[in-house]
Every structure is written in C-alpha cells, then in structure tokens.
Amino acid sequence: MHTQAVPTGAGRFQIRRGRRGRGRGWSRGPPTVPAGIAVFPGNNTIRGIAEKRNTVVHWSEFDRGGHFAPMEAPGLMIGDLREFFRKLRSAGH
C-alpha cells in the first residue's frame, strides 16, 4: 500500500515555510549546535557541504568501514563517538 504520506507531509512543511518566510524551529543564521563528522570510504565529497551547513568541531576520516560503518567497523565508530563527546565535555558544551 502506498499512501504518499511523506511527500504530502514535506509539501505542507514547504508551504508553511514559504508563507511565513521560515519554518518553525529554523533560525536564520548559521547553526550553533556542535557537529561531529565521521567520513568512511565512499563519502569523501561531504566536507564542503558539512562545513557550510554545520558548526563542525570534530572531523574524522577512516580507511575502512563504509555505508554501514556501525556494523562494518563498530570499534572505529564507537571510538570516534567517544572522542567527539570528550571534546564537547572539555569545551563546556
């Protein structure tokens, strides 16, 4: 069964956003929430997009893993998450 619920919901969001000039919960300036990015093989074009749309405070690149990195290289993923949150705690976030 195909209900088209997602496109309909997305359309309503865009209409609402267009009428008011901005969507509910969206700020006009750059994002201020710290972001951590883990890049696994096959995703090397993301840096420009990530830095333009996020406040990147942690960046990691790995030589193994892939699209399903948490299943393919769980140790790398867990270690990187711990390092990201360690940085946030030490910076007072």
Protein backbone atom coordinates (compact mmCIF):
# COMPACT_ATOMS: atom_id res chain seq x y z
CA MET A 1 0.00 0.00 0.00
CA HIS A 2 1.44 3.39 -0.99
CA THR A 3 -0.05 6.41 0.77
CA GLN A 4 2.37 9.17 -0.28
CA ALA A 5 2.38 10.36 3.33
CA VAL A 6 5.98 11.56 3.30
CA PRO A 7 5.74 13.74 0.18
CA THR A 8 2.45 15.18 1.43
CA GLY A 9 3.95 15.98 4.82
CA ALA A 10 7.02 17.52 3.21
CA GLY A 11 4.81 19.61 0.92
CA ARG A 12 2.89 21.02 3.86
CA PHE A 13 6.14 21.95 5.57
CA GLN A 14 7.37 23.78 2.46
CA ILE A 15 4.06 25.63 2.05
CA ARG A 16 4.07 26.65 5.71
CA ARG A 17 7.70 27.73 5.44
CA GLY A 18 7.00 29.77 2.30
CA ARG A 19 4.12 31.73 3.82
CA ARG A 20 5.93 32.73 6.96
CA GLY A 21 9.35 33.20 5.43
CA ARG A 22 10.87 30.47 7.58
CA GLY A 23 9.86 27.19 9.07
CA ARG A 24 9.04 26.60 12.68
CA GLY A 25 12.23 25.98 14.66
CA TRP A 26 14.59 27.16 11.90
CA SER A 27 16.97 30.02 12.63
CA ARG A 28 18.18 32.48 10.05
CA GLY A 29 21.87 32.38 10.99
CA PRO A 30 24.42 29.60 10.81
CA PRO A 31 23.75 26.62 13.07
CA THR A 32 25.31 26.78 16.50
CA VAL A 33 24.96 23.15 17.57
CA PRO A 34 28.38 21.45 17.51
CA ALA A 35 28.63 18.67 14.92
CA GLY A 36 30.99 15.75 14.55
CA ILE A 37 31.53 14.17 11.14
CA ALA A 38 32.92 10.69 10.54
CA VAL A 39 33.85 10.03 6.91
CA PHE A 40 34.14 6.44 5.79
CA PRO A 41 35.31 5.22 2.35
CA GLY A 42 32.99 6.33 -0.42
CA ASN A 43 31.82 9.55 1.29
CA ASN A 44 34.75 11.86 0.56
CA THR A 45 32.72 14.65 -1.09
CA ILE A 46 30.80 15.63 2.04
CA ARG A 47 33.25 18.08 3.63
CA GLY A 48 32.19 21.20 1.71
CA ILE A 49 28.52 20.54 2.40
CA ALA A 50 29.08 19.64 6.04
CA GLU A 51 31.15 22.72 6.84
CA LYS A 52 28.74 25.04 5.01
CA ARG A 53 25.66 23.82 6.89
CA ASN A 54 27.04 22.84 10.32
CA THR A 55 29.32 24.02 13.10
CA VAL A 56 31.88 21.24 12.69
CA VAL A 57 34.01 20.76 15.81
CA HIS A 58 35.17 17.19 15.11
CA TRP A 59 36.18 15.62 11.80
CA SER A 60 37.43 12.05 11.32
CA GLU A 61 38.33 10.12 8.18
CA PHE A 62 38.69 6.35 8.16
CA ASP A 63 40.24 3.93 5.69
CA ARG A 64 37.81 1.11 6.41
CA GLY A 65 34.13 0.79 7.10
CA GLY A 66 31.63 2.08 4.59
CA HIS A 67 27.99 2.91 4.18
CA PHE A 68 27.08 0.69 7.13
CA ALA A 69 30.04 1.75 9.29
CA PRO A 70 28.49 0.89 12.68
CA MET A 71 28.09 -2.73 11.51
CA GLU A 72 31.28 -2.91 9.42
CA ALA A 73 33.68 -1.22 11.85
CA PRO A 74 31.90 -0.80 15.20
CA GLY A 75 35.11 -0.19 17.14
CA LEU A 76 36.05 2.74 14.92
CA MET A 77 32.59 4.26 15.19
CA ILE A 78 32.37 3.90 18.98
CA GLY A 79 35.87 5.28 19.47
CA ASP A 80 35.08 8.27 17.29
CA LEU A 81 31.80 8.99 19.12
CA ARG A 82 33.62 8.87 22.45
CA GLU A 83 36.29 11.26 21.17
CA PHE A 84 33.65 13.69 19.88
CA PHE A 85 31.78 13.79 23.20
CA ARG A 86 35.04 14.03 25.15
CA LYS A 87 35.86 17.19 23.16
CA LEU A 88 32.41 18.63 23.89
CA ARG A 89 32.69 17.96 27.61
CA SER A 90 36.15 19.54 27.82
CA ALA A 91 34.91 22.60 25.88
CA GLY A 92 31.99 23.03 28.28
CA HIS A 93 29.16 22.20 25.85
